[in-house]
């Protein structure tokens, strides 16, 4: 049985991201630096179009959008890097969704870059960042590093809101030996 492909953003039949929606995606404005990262690149401003892209992957199981996004993430990635990793979601959310969207983006981006994707971080139990009040999101999740880290790491996530998760992950990776940690996200809240 063949399934019709629809745009991840507007859901009209056609390519995974239709030309009309591509034109609505706005390049991210430079935001403030994130403590714990040597750099942060976001592809798009957080608006209706980028939210549609992220939520299609994250909540509607539209895994077909990952290669499209990864091609753009890889093109925007600073370099050189030794490995790609991600800010892990909670184990409960990963089980509920059947996958970790940041891991999928990181692994797909790493393949495009020709470098290994490595699970470097473990997320301890704690409240989800999504939907939490800003004062709780500013703390970021509790993260641990699985093993010593060497070289430059590209840290991928779907959205940078406060920067707390990326910053906490970057500081943990640097404490474990990473020379440089670059952040790379699909979108950033202005």
C-alpha atoms as a PDB file:
ATOM      1  CA  UNK A   1       0.000   0.000   0.000  1.00  0.00           C
ATOM      2  CA  UNK A   2       1.380   3.409  -0.912  1.00  0.00           C
ATOM      3  CA  UNK A   3       1.095   6.344   1.452  1.00  0.00           C
ATOM      4  CA  UNK A   4       0.722   9.863   0.182  1.00  0.00           C
ATOM      5  CA  UNK A   5       3.430  12.243   1.375  1.00  0.00           C
ATOM      6  CA  UNK A   6       2.222  15.504   2.868  1.00  0.00           C
ATOM      7  CA  UNK A   7       4.050  18.635   3.905  1.00  0.00           C
ATOM      8  CA  UNK A   8       5.096  18.394   7.563  1.00  0.00           C
ATOM      9  CA  UNK A   9       4.097  22.016   8.140  1.00  0.00           C
ATOM     10  CA  UNK A  10       0.842  22.646   6.216  1.00  0.00           C
ATOM     11  CA  UNK A  11      -0.102  18.986   5.612  1.00  0.00           C
ATOM     12  CA  UNK A  12      -0.954  19.478   1.944  1.00  0.00           C
ATOM     13  CA  UNK A  13      -0.043  16.641  -0.439  1.00  0.00           C
ATOM     14  CA  UNK A  14       3.410  17.030  -1.920  1.00  0.00           C
ATOM     15  CA  UNK A  15       7.010  17.031  -0.728  1.00  0.00           C
ATOM     16  CA  UNK A  16       7.905  16.596   2.955  1.00  0.00           C
ATOM     17  CA  UNK A  17       8.258  20.405   3.164  1.00  0.00           C
ATOM     18  CA  UNK A  18       6.428  22.123   0.328  1.00  0.00           C
ATOM     19  CA  UNK A  19       7.936  25.113  -1.524  1.00  0.00           C
ATOM     20  CA  UNK A  20       5.360  27.474  -0.011  1.00  0.00           C
ATOM     21  CA  UNK A  21       6.304  26.467   3.528  1.00  0.00           C
ATOM     22  CA  UNK A  22      10.027  26.615   2.743  1.00  0.00           C
ATOM     23  CA  UNK A  23       9.514  30.274   1.863  1.00  0.00           C
ATOM     24  CA  UNK A  24       7.764  30.910   5.204  1.00  0.00           C
ATOM     25  CA  UNK A  25      10.675  29.572   7.283  1.00  0.00           C
ATOM     26  CA  UNK A  26      12.642  32.588   8.562  1.00  0.00           C
ATOM     27  CA  UNK A  27      16.362  32.337   9.186  1.00  0.00           C
ATOM     28  CA  UNK A  28      17.106  32.656  12.887  1.00  0.00           C
ATOM     29  CA  UNK A  29      18.329  35.962  14.158  1.00  0.00           C
ATOM     30  CA  UNK A  30      21.509  35.898  16.200  1.00  0.00           C
ATOM     31  CA  UNK A  31      20.651  35.427  19.841  1.00  0.00           C
ATOM     32  CA  UNK A  32      22.658  35.859  22.989  1.00  0.00           C
ATOM     33  CA  UNK A  33      25.477  33.387  23.617  1.00  0.00           C
ATOM     34  CA  UNK A  34      24.683  30.326  25.701  1.00  0.00           C
ATOM     35  CA  UNK A  35      26.971  29.732  28.659  1.00  0.00           C
ATOM     36  CA  UNK A  36      28.554  26.308  28.163  1.00  0.00           C
ATOM     37  CA  UNK A  37      28.655  26.448  24.361  1.00  0.00           C
ATOM     38  CA  UNK A  38      31.447  27.810  22.218  1.00  0.00           C
ATOM     39  CA  UNK A  39      28.865  28.681  19.561  1.00  0.00           C
ATOM     40  CA  UNK A  40      25.194  28.198  18.830  1.00  0.00           C
ATOM     41  CA  UNK A  41      23.618  28.084  15.386  1.00  0.00           C
ATOM     42  CA  UNK A  42      19.844  27.876  14.933  1.00  0.00           C
ATOM     43  CA  UNK A  43      18.355  27.433  11.493  1.00  0.00           C
ATOM     44  CA  UNK A  44      15.041  29.215  12.024  1.00  0.00           C
ATOM     45  CA  UNK A  45      13.247  31.659  14.281  1.00  0.00           C
ATOM     46  CA  UNK A  46      10.621  29.966  16.443  1.00  0.00           C
ATOM     47  CA  UNK A  47       7.362  30.831  14.717  1.00  0.00           C
ATOM     48  CA  UNK A  48       4.365  29.010  13.254  1.00  0.00           C
ATOM     49  CA  UNK A  49       6.345  27.456  10.387  1.00  0.00           C
ATOM     50  CA  UNK A  50       9.302  26.186  12.426  1.00  0.00           C
ATOM     51  CA  UNK A  51       6.946  25.068  15.197  1.00  0.00           C
ATOM     52  CA  UNK A  52       5.045  23.034  12.592  1.00  0.00           C
ATOM     53  CA  UNK A  53       8.275  21.431  11.437  1.00  0.00           C
ATOM     54  CA  UNK A  54       9.415  20.505  14.956  1.00  0.00           C
ATOM     55  CA  UNK A  55       6.023  19.334  16.181  1.00  0.00           C
ATOM     56  CA  UNK A  56       5.546  17.149  13.102  1.00  0.00           C
ATOM     57  CA  UNK A  57       8.704  15.287  14.030  1.00  0.00           C
ATOM     58  CA  UNK A  58       8.268  15.398  17.791  1.00  0.00           C
ATOM     59  CA  UNK A  59       4.544  14.756  18.228  1.00  0.00           C
ATOM     60  CA  UNK A  60       3.165  13.456  14.921  1.00  0.00           C
ATOM     61  CA  UNK A  61       5.887  10.842  14.315  1.00  0.00           C
ATOM     62  CA  UNK A  62       6.815  12.443  10.967  1.00  0.00           C
ATOM     63  CA  UNK A  63      10.296  10.897  10.927  1.00  0.00           C
ATOM     64  CA  UNK A  64      10.488  11.548   7.184  1.00  0.00           C
ATOM     65  CA  UNK A  65      11.188  15.207   7.970  1.00  0.00           C
ATOM     66  CA  UNK A  66      14.496  14.288   9.698  1.00  0.00           C
ATOM     67  CA  UNK A  67      16.571  13.901   6.488  1.00  0.00           C
ATOM     68  CA  UNK A  68      15.233  17.221   5.159  1.00  0.00           C
ATOM     69  CA  UNK A  69      16.126  19.003   8.400  1.00  0.00           C
ATOM     70  CA  UNK A  70      19.454  17.164   8.773  1.00  0.00           C
ATOM     71  CA  UNK A  71      20.589  18.330   5.336  1.00  0.00           C
ATOM     72  CA  UNK A  72      20.110  21.927   6.485  1.00  0.00           C
ATOM     73  CA  UNK A  73      21.671  21.291   9.907  1.00  0.00           C
ATOM     74  CA  UNK A  74      24.736  19.710   8.285  1.00  0.00           C
ATOM     75  CA  UNK A  75      25.103  22.661   5.906  1.00  0.00           C
ATOM     76  CA  UNK A  76      25.021  25.073   8.870  1.00  0.00           C
ATOM     77  CA  UNK A  77      27.299  23.054  11.165  1.00  0.00           C
ATOM     78  CA  UNK A  78      30.496  24.720  12.330  1.00  0.00           C
ATOM     79  CA  UNK A  79      33.580  22.598  11.962  1.00  0.00           C
ATOM     80  CA  UNK A  80      35.729  20.751  12.199  1.00  0.00           C
ATOM     81  CA  UNK A  81      34.081  18.391  14.667  1.00  0.00           C
ATOM     82  CA  UNK A  82      34.985  14.960  15.983  1.00  0.00           C
ATOM     83  CA  UNK A  83      31.518  13.705  16.860  1.00  0.00           C
ATOM     84  CA  UNK A  84      27.857  14.617  17.008  1.00  0.00           C
ATOM     85  CA  UNK A  85      25.726  14.134  20.100  1.00  0.00           C
ATOM     86  CA  UNK A  86      22.376  15.400  21.376  1.00  0.00           C
ATOM     87  CA  UNK A  87      20.516  16.648  24.415  1.00  0.00           C
ATOM     88  CA  UNK A  88      18.517  13.540  25.364  1.00  0.00           C
ATOM     89  CA  UNK A  89      14.823  13.637  26.141  1.00  0.00           C
ATOM     90  CA  UNK A  90      13.495  11.881  29.221  1.00  0.00           C
ATOM     91  CA  UNK A  91      13.373   8.078  28.981  1.00  0.00           C
ATOM     92  CA  UNK A  92       9.610   8.216  29.540  1.00  0.00           C
ATOM     93  CA  UNK A  93       9.053  10.560  26.589  1.00  0.00           C
ATOM     94  CA  UNK A  94      11.369   8.554  24.393  1.00  0.00           C
ATOM     95  CA  UNK A  95       9.419   5.375  25.178  1.00  0.00           C
ATOM     96  CA  UNK A  96       6.057   7.105  24.649  1.00  0.00           C
ATOM     97  CA  UNK A  97       7.108   8.510  21.251  1.00  0.00           C
ATOM     98  CA  UNK A  98       9.095   5.437  20.282  1.00  0.00           C
ATOM     99  CA  UNK A  99      12.198   7.555  19.606  1.00  0.00           C
ATOM    100  CA  UNK A 100      14.154  10.587  20.778  1.00  0.00           C
ATOM    101  CA  UNK A 101      13.724  13.357  18.195  1.00  0.00           C
ATOM    102  CA  UNK A 102      17.053  15.018  19.073  1.00  0.00           C
ATOM    103  CA  UNK A 103      18.854  11.686  18.691  1.00  0.00           C
ATOM    104  CA  UNK A 104      17.224  11.106  15.302  1.00  0.00           C
ATOM    105  CA  UNK A 105      18.270  14.584  14.131  1.00  0.00           C
ATOM    106  CA  UNK A 106      21.807  14.135  15.492  1.00  0.00           C
ATOM    107  CA  UNK A 107      22.326  10.716  13.922  1.00  0.00           C
ATOM    108  CA  UNK A 108      20.940  11.836  10.563  1.00  0.00           C
ATOM    109  CA  UNK A 109      23.073  15.000  10.645  1.00  0.00           C
ATOM    110  CA  UNK A 110      26.190  13.004  11.602  1.00  0.00           C
ATOM    111  CA  UNK A 111      25.690  10.699   8.612  1.00  0.00           C
ATOM    112  CA  UNK A 112      25.534  13.725   6.307  1.00  0.00           C
ATOM    113  CA  UNK A 113      28.706  15.115   7.884  1.00  0.00           C
ATOM    114  CA  UNK A 114      30.524  11.764   7.778  1.00  0.00           C
ATOM    115  CA  UNK A 115      31.343  11.759  11.492  1.00  0.00           C
ATOM    116  CA  UNK A 116      30.161   9.438  14.267  1.00  0.00           C
ATOM    117  CA  UNK A 117      27.052  10.124  16.301  1.00  0.00           C
ATOM    118  CA  UNK A 118      27.721   9.236  19.919  1.00  0.00           C
ATOM    119  CA  UNK A 119      25.386   9.001  22.894  1.00  0.00           C
ATOM    120  CA  UNK A 120      27.473  11.055  25.316  1.00  0.00           C
ATOM    121  CA  UNK A 121      24.837  12.287  27.755  1.00  0.00           C
ATOM    122  CA  UNK A 122      22.404  10.606  30.133  1.00  0.00           C
ATOM    123  CA  UNK A 123      19.403  12.548  31.360  1.00  0.00           C
ATOM    124  CA  UNK A 124      18.511  11.942  34.983  1.00  0.00           C
ATOM    125  CA  UNK A 125      14.899  11.748  36.066  1.00  0.00           C
ATOM    126  CA  UNK A 126      13.217  15.083  36.434  1.00  0.00           C
ATOM    127  CA  UNK A 127      10.430  17.197  35.032  1.00  0.00           C
ATOM    128  CA  UNK A 128      10.087  17.754  31.303  1.00  0.00           C
ATOM    129  CA  UNK A 129      11.280  21.115  29.985  1.00  0.00           C
ATOM    130  CA  UNK A 130       8.394  21.404  27.493  1.00  0.00           C
ATOM    131  CA  UNK A 131       5.556  23.373  29.017  1.00  0.00           C
ATOM    132  CA  UNK A 132       7.395  24.073  32.277  1.00  0.00           C
ATOM    133  CA  UNK A 133       7.438  27.621  33.659  1.00  0.00           C
ATOM    134  CA  UNK A 134      10.458  29.694  32.629  1.00  0.00           C
ATOM    135  CA  UNK A 135      11.985  29.695  36.125  1.00  0.00           C
ATOM    136  CA  UNK A 136      12.111  25.870  36.038  1.00  0.00           C
ATOM    137  CA  UNK A 137      13.343  25.718  32.423  1.00  0.00           C
ATOM    138  CA  UNK A 138      16.222  28.046  33.349  1.00  0.00           C
ATOM    139  CA  UNK A 139      17.644  25.326  35.594  1.00  0.00           C
ATOM    140  CA  UNK A 140      17.873  22.884  32.722  1.00  0.00           C
ATOM    141  CA  UNK A 141      17.722  19.106  33.025  1.00  0.00           C
ATOM    142  CA  UNK A 142      20.159  17.111  35.147  1.00  0.00           C
ATOM    143  CA  UNK A 143      22.634  15.513  32.749  1.00  0.00           C
ATOM    144  CA  UNK A 144      25.591  13.185  33.205  1.00  0.00           C
ATOM    145  CA  UNK A 145      28.331  12.283  30.740  1.00  0.00           C
ATOM    146  CA  UNK A 146      28.727   8.584  29.960  1.00  0.00           C
ATOM    147  CA  UNK A 147      32.497   8.582  29.363  1.00  0.00           C
ATOM    148  CA  UNK A 148      35.449  10.911  28.781  1.00  0.00           C
ATOM    149  CA  UNK A 149      35.089  13.123  25.723  1.00  0.00           C
ATOM    150  CA  UNK A 150      37.788  14.215  23.287  1.00  0.00           C
ATOM    151  CA  UNK A 151      37.902  16.813  20.561  1.00  0.00           C
ATOM    152  CA  UNK A 152      35.137  19.038  19.266  1.00  0.00           C
ATOM    153  CA  UNK A 153      31.508  17.981  19.774  1.00  0.00           C
ATOM    154  CA  UNK A 154      28.491  19.154  17.806  1.00  0.00           C
ATOM    155  CA  UNK A 155      25.497  19.121  20.166  1.00  0.00           C
ATOM    156  CA  UNK A 156      22.142  18.888  18.355  1.00  0.00           C
ATOM    157  CA  UNK A 157      18.700  19.711  19.744  1.00  0.00           C
ATOM    158  CA  UNK A 158      15.360  20.615  18.222  1.00  0.00           C
ATOM    159  CA  UNK A 159      14.653  23.988  19.860  1.00  0.00           C
ATOM    160  CA  UNK A 160      16.617  26.416  22.005  1.00  0.00           C
ATOM    161  CA  UNK A 161      14.217  28.278  24.283  1.00  0.00           C
ATOM    162  CA  UNK A 162      16.138  29.526  27.316  1.00  0.00           C
ATOM    163  CA  UNK A 163      19.412  27.791  26.402  1.00  0.00           C
ATOM    164  CA  UNK A 164      19.470  26.013  29.776  1.00  0.00           C
ATOM    165  CA  UNK A 165      19.445  22.454  28.405  1.00  0.00           C
ATOM    166  CA  UNK A 166      22.108  23.153  25.801  1.00  0.00           C
ATOM    167  CA  UNK A 167      24.220  25.097  28.290  1.00  0.00           C
ATOM    168  CA  UNK A 168      24.039  22.402  30.935  1.00  0.00           C
ATOM    169  CA  UNK A 169      24.901  19.748  28.333  1.00  0.00           C
ATOM    170  CA  UNK A 170      27.807  21.828  26.996  1.00  0.00           C
ATOM    171  CA  UNK A 171      29.256  22.399  30.464  1.00  0.00           C
ATOM    172  CA  UNK A 172      29.004  18.673  31.246  1.00  0.00           C
ATOM    173  CA  UNK A 173      30.783  17.776  27.992  1.00  0.00           C
ATOM    174  CA  UNK A 174      33.526  20.350  28.598  1.00  0.00           C
ATOM    175  CA  UNK A 175      34.030  19.046  32.152  1.00  0.00           C
ATOM    176  CA  UNK A 176      34.396  15.552  30.647  1.00  0.00           C
ATOM    177  CA  UNK A 177      37.174  16.708  28.310  1.00  0.00           C
ATOM    178  CA  UNK A 178      35.557  18.164  25.181  1.00  0.00           C
ATOM    179  CA  UNK A 179      37.821  20.818  23.646  1.00  0.00           C
ATOM    180  CA  UNK A 180      34.941  22.649  21.978  1.00  0.00           C
ATOM    181  CA  UNK A 181      31.158  22.258  22.107  1.00  0.00           C
ATOM    182  CA  UNK A 182      29.072  23.766  19.312  1.00  0.00           C
ATOM    183  CA  UNK A 183      25.289  23.862  19.625  1.00  0.00           C
ATOM    184  CA  UNK A 184      23.056  23.374  16.583  1.00  0.00           C
ATOM    185  CA  UNK A 185      19.257  23.567  16.658  1.00  0.00           C
ATOM    186  CA  UNK A 186      16.368  23.606  14.238  1.00  0.00           C
ATOM    187  CA  UNK A 187      14.870  26.721  15.835  1.00  0.00           C
ATOM    188  CA  UNK A 188      15.519  29.301  18.523  1.00  0.00           C
ATOM    189  CA  UNK A 189      13.064  31.344  20.525  1.00  0.00           C
ATOM    190  CA  UNK A 190      13.966  35.019  20.102  1.00  0.00           C
END
